Protein backbone atom coordinates (compact mmCIF):
# COMPACT_ATOMS: atom_id res chain seq x y z
CA UNK A 1 33.92 -34.70 52.79
CA UNK A 2 33.51 -33.91 49.11
CA UNK A 3 33.14 -37.52 47.97
CA UNK A 4 31.72 -38.55 44.61
CA UNK A 5 29.68 -41.62 45.69
CA UNK A 6 31.11 -44.02 43.09
CA UNK A 7 30.49 -47.76 42.96
CA UNK A 8 33.53 -50.02 43.30
CA UNK A 9 33.02 -53.18 43.31
CA UNK A 10 36.22 -67.85 35.21
CA UNK A 11 33.38 -82.01 27.74
CA UNK A 12 33.69 -83.78 25.11
CA UNK A 13 33.23 -87.57 25.30
CA UNK A 14 36.11 -88.55 22.96
CA UNK A 15 37.37 -92.17 23.37
CA UNK A 16 36.75 -92.24 27.10
CA UNK A 17 37.13 -95.71 28.65
CA UNK A 18 33.90 -96.05 30.62
CA UNK A 19 35.35 -98.99 32.59
CA UNK A 20 37.59 -96.56 34.46
CA UNK A 21 36.25 -94.67 37.49
CA UNK A 22 35.63 -90.96 37.25
CA UNK A 23 38.77 -88.89 37.86
CA UNK A 24 39.20 -87.82 41.48
CA UNK A 25 38.48 -84.27 42.55
CA UNK A 26 41.38 -81.85 42.52
CA UNK A 27 43.02 -82.44 45.90
CA UNK A 28 45.23 -79.40 45.38
CA UNK A 29 42.32 -77.25 46.47
CA UNK A 30 41.41 -79.04 49.71
CA UNK A 31 39.02 -76.86 51.69
CA UNK A 32 40.76 -75.27 54.62
CA UNK A 33 39.42 -75.67 58.13
CA UNK A 34 39.87 -73.69 61.33
CA UNK A 35 42.49 -76.26 62.33
CA UNK A 36 44.64 -74.90 59.49
CA UNK A 37 44.31 -71.41 60.95
CA UNK A 38 45.34 -72.63 64.39
CA UNK A 39 48.34 -74.48 62.94
CA UNK A 40 49.55 -71.57 60.78
CA UNK A 41 53.05 -70.17 61.43
CA UNK A 42 53.08 -67.55 64.15
CA UNK A 43 54.73 -65.00 61.85
CA UNK A 44 51.81 -65.13 59.40
CA UNK A 45 48.24 -63.85 59.49
CA UNK A 46 45.94 -66.79 58.62
CA UNK A 47 42.52 -66.34 57.03
CA UNK A 48 40.04 -68.55 55.17
CA UNK A 49 38.28 -67.17 52.09
CA UNK A 50 35.90 -69.44 50.17
CA UNK A 51 37.60 -72.54 51.54
CA UNK A 52 41.13 -71.35 50.75
CA UNK A 53 43.74 -70.78 53.44
CA UNK A 54 45.32 -67.35 52.93
CA UNK A 55 48.63 -66.67 54.68
CA UNK A 56 49.89 -63.09 54.77
CA UNK A 57 53.15 -61.78 56.22
CA UNK A 58 53.10 -59.60 59.30
CA UNK A 59 52.94 -55.85 58.57
CA UNK A 60 55.91 -53.92 57.22
CA UNK A 61 56.90 -50.72 59.10
CA UNK A 62 54.70 -48.30 57.10
CA UNK A 63 51.74 -50.62 57.51
CA UNK A 64 52.38 -50.97 61.25
CA UNK A 65 52.70 -47.19 61.71
CA UNK A 66 49.36 -46.52 59.99
CA UNK A 67 47.54 -49.25 61.89
CA UNK A 68 48.96 -48.24 65.27
CA UNK A 69 48.23 -44.56 64.61
CA UNK A 70 44.60 -45.29 63.79
CA UNK A 71 44.14 -47.20 67.03
CA UNK A 72 45.71 -44.31 68.93
CA UNK A 73 43.46 -41.77 67.22
CA UNK A 74 40.14 -43.64 67.38
CA UNK A 75 40.34 -45.61 70.61
CA UNK A 76 40.34 -42.72 73.13
CA UNK A 77 37.48 -40.79 71.54
CA UNK A 78 35.23 -43.60 70.37
CA UNK A 79 36.06 -46.59 72.59
CA UNK A 80 36.83 -44.79 75.86
CA UNK A 81 34.79 -41.62 75.26
CA UNK A 82 37.71 -39.26 76.01
CA UNK A 83 37.33 -36.18 73.85
CA UNK A 84 34.70 -37.93 71.76
CA UNK A 85 31.28 -39.59 71.87
CA UNK A 86 32.35 -43.10 72.90
CA UNK A 87 29.89 -45.90 72.23
CA UNK A 88 32.24 -48.20 70.28
CA UNK A 89 34.55 -51.16 70.68
CA UNK A 90 37.67 -50.41 68.58
CA UNK A 91 39.95 -53.44 68.20
CA UNK A 92 43.12 -54.23 66.30
CA UNK A 93 43.33 -57.45 64.24
CA UNK A 94 40.18 -59.16 65.58
CA UNK A 95 39.42 -62.59 64.18
CA UNK A 96 36.02 -62.64 62.45
CA UNK A 97 34.06 -65.81 61.72
CA UNK A 98 31.30 -65.58 59.10
CA UNK A 99 30.26 -69.21 58.71
CA UNK A 100 33.31 -70.98 57.26
CA UNK A 101 34.97 -67.67 56.38
CA UNK A 102 37.72 -66.45 58.73
CA UNK A 103 38.96 -62.89 58.28
CA UNK A 104 41.39 -60.70 60.20
CA UNK A 105 40.98 -57.00 59.35
CA UNK A 106 43.64 -54.59 60.58
CA UNK A 107 41.00 -52.81 62.67
CA UNK A 108 37.30 -53.26 63.32
CA UNK A 109 34.67 -51.47 65.33
CA UNK A 110 31.34 -52.47 66.85
CA UNK A 111 28.72 -50.10 68.19
CA UNK A 112 28.12 -51.04 71.81
CA UNK A 113 24.37 -50.82 71.25
CA UNK A 114 24.79 -53.90 69.03
CA UNK A 115 27.48 -55.67 71.09
CA UNK A 116 27.09 -54.73 74.73
CA UNK A 117 29.85 -57.09 75.92
CA UNK A 118 32.83 -58.82 74.35
CA UNK A 119 32.40 -62.52 73.49
CA UNK A 120 34.05 -65.23 75.55
CA UNK A 121 35.42 -66.95 72.45
CA UNK A 122 38.71 -65.97 70.81
CA UNK A 123 36.82 -64.71 67.75
CA UNK A 124 33.79 -62.65 66.76
CA UNK A 125 30.73 -64.06 65.00
CA UNK A 126 28.84 -60.76 65.00
CA UNK A 127 29.78 -58.68 61.97
CA UNK A 128 31.40 -55.35 62.89
CA UNK A 129 29.86 -52.03 61.93
CA UNK A 130 33.18 -50.84 60.48
CA UNK A 131 36.38 -52.45 59.24
CA UNK A 132 39.69 -50.99 58.15
CA UNK A 133 42.26 -52.66 55.92
CA UNK A 134 45.74 -51.15 55.69
CA UNK A 135 46.89 -52.03 52.20
CA UNK A 136 50.28 -53.46 51.34
CA UNK A 137 51.62 -54.75 47.99
CA UNK A 138 51.24 -58.37 49.11
CA UNK A 139 47.63 -58.05 50.33
CA UNK A 140 45.99 -55.22 48.35
CA UNK A 141 44.47 -57.40 45.65
CA UNK A 142 42.73 -59.68 48.15
CA UNK A 143 41.78 -56.80 50.45
CA UNK A 144 40.08 -54.92 47.61
CA UNK A 145 38.31 -57.90 46.10
CA UNK A 146 37.62 -61.04 48.08
CA UNK A 147 37.70 -59.50 51.54
CA UNK A 148 35.52 -56.51 50.63
CA UNK A 149 33.06 -58.90 48.94
CA UNK A 150 32.93 -61.02 52.09
CA UNK A 151 32.28 -57.94 54.22
CA UNK A 152 29.36 -57.06 51.93
CA UNK A 153 27.82 -60.50 52.38
CA UNK A 154 28.28 -60.23 56.15
CA UNK A 155 26.51 -56.85 56.22
CA UNK A 156 29.41 -54.65 57.36
CA UNK A 157 28.15 -51.10 56.81
CA UNK A 158 31.38 -49.06 56.66
CA UNK A 159 34.96 -49.71 55.54
CA UNK A 160 38.20 -47.77 55.26
CA UNK A 161 41.11 -48.63 52.98
CA UNK A 162 44.38 -47.02 54.06
CA UNK A 163 47.30 -46.95 51.63
CA UNK A 164 50.48 -45.84 53.45
CA UNK A 165 52.51 -45.73 50.22
CA UNK A 166 50.05 -43.57 48.29
CA UNK A 167 49.05 -41.78 51.52
CA UNK A 168 45.35 -42.13 50.89
CA UNK A 169 42.35 -42.99 53.03
CA UNK A 170 39.39 -44.34 51.04
CA UNK A 171 36.08 -44.12 52.90
CA UNK A 172 33.45 -46.65 51.79
CA UNK A 173 29.80 -47.09 52.66
CA UNK A 174 27.59 -50.11 51.93
CA UNK A 175 24.62 -49.16 49.76
CA UNK A 176 22.25 -51.55 47.97
CA UNK A 177 24.62 -54.47 48.40
CA UNK A 178 27.71 -52.72 47.00
CA UNK A 179 30.47 -50.49 48.26
CA UNK A 180 30.22 -46.80 47.43
CA UNK A 181 33.24 -44.50 47.67
CA UNK A 182 32.21 -41.65 49.95
CA UNK A 183 35.56 -39.90 49.72
CA UNK A 184 39.30 -40.27 49.17
CA UNK A 185 41.34 -38.27 51.69
CA UNK A 186 45.02 -37.44 51.50
CA UNK A 187 47.58 -35.01 52.91
CA UNK A 188 48.64 -34.22 56.46
CA UNK A 189 45.91 -31.89 57.71
CA UNK A 190 43.17 -33.03 60.12
CA UNK A 191 40.07 -34.39 58.37
CA UNK A 192 36.65 -35.75 59.28
CA UNK A 193 35.91 -39.21 57.91
CA UNK A 194 32.67 -41.18 58.05
CA UNK A 195 31.81 -43.00 60.27
CA UNK A 196 34.06 -41.34 62.88
CA UNK A 197 33.42 -37.77 61.79
CA UNK A 198 32.54 -36.57 65.28
CA UNK A 199 36.20 -35.62 65.81
CA UNK A 200 39.12 -34.48 63.65
CA UNK A 201 41.45 -37.23 62.42
CA UNK A 202 45.10 -36.22 62.11
CA UNK A 203 45.71 -37.85 58.75
CA UNK A 204 49.46 -37.19 58.80
CA UNK A 205 49.82 -39.48 61.81
CA UNK A 206 48.98 -42.41 59.55
CA UNK A 207 52.03 -41.65 57.43
CA UNK A 208 54.29 -41.04 60.42
CA UNK A 209 54.21 -37.27 59.95
CA UNK A 210 52.22 -34.26 61.09
CA UNK A 211 50.91 -31.05 59.55
CA UNK A 212 53.91 -29.20 61.03
CA UNK A 213 56.47 -31.55 59.46
CA UNK A 214 58.84 -29.87 56.97
């Protein structure tokens, strides 16, 4: 793929009156619970990162096109084994629970040799083998920092970052506890991208175009 394998990855005593009790903890940062996720507005994606409830708007059109196109490209070949090797579960917006952390990637994939059957719960406790985040202006900062860091701690081995505005696909691989950039793909032509490099990926479909578009 021609990648370059780069690493990516804030009291003085004074005249204090000791008869007064210690100041209370900052209640403005109350740790979120799963109940907060369940009670979140239906038009928002709710996640918990380091005790903080993160609410993100539902995808804009470019984001939705890229996410839907990826499902359409990967699911037949890798989930169903039609025109590809199969052996995966490919799911859109699964809810992941890593201890108290709750994350919702745009897509995630599990090798069936690790997860032979889907769980009965409404979420997944087993870390996926691959995640994909489709970046948008409102979520990119968190996707690139706190979410990627959480995926590292959970042991997710592969990640893709799709930017529909810049029309780029960043392919990342976990190595020695940090994300390495395997390659940055762009354009409209079919490409092969780790970890789904068994088949060609029509990159233009992610941008709502094709190689034959004017």
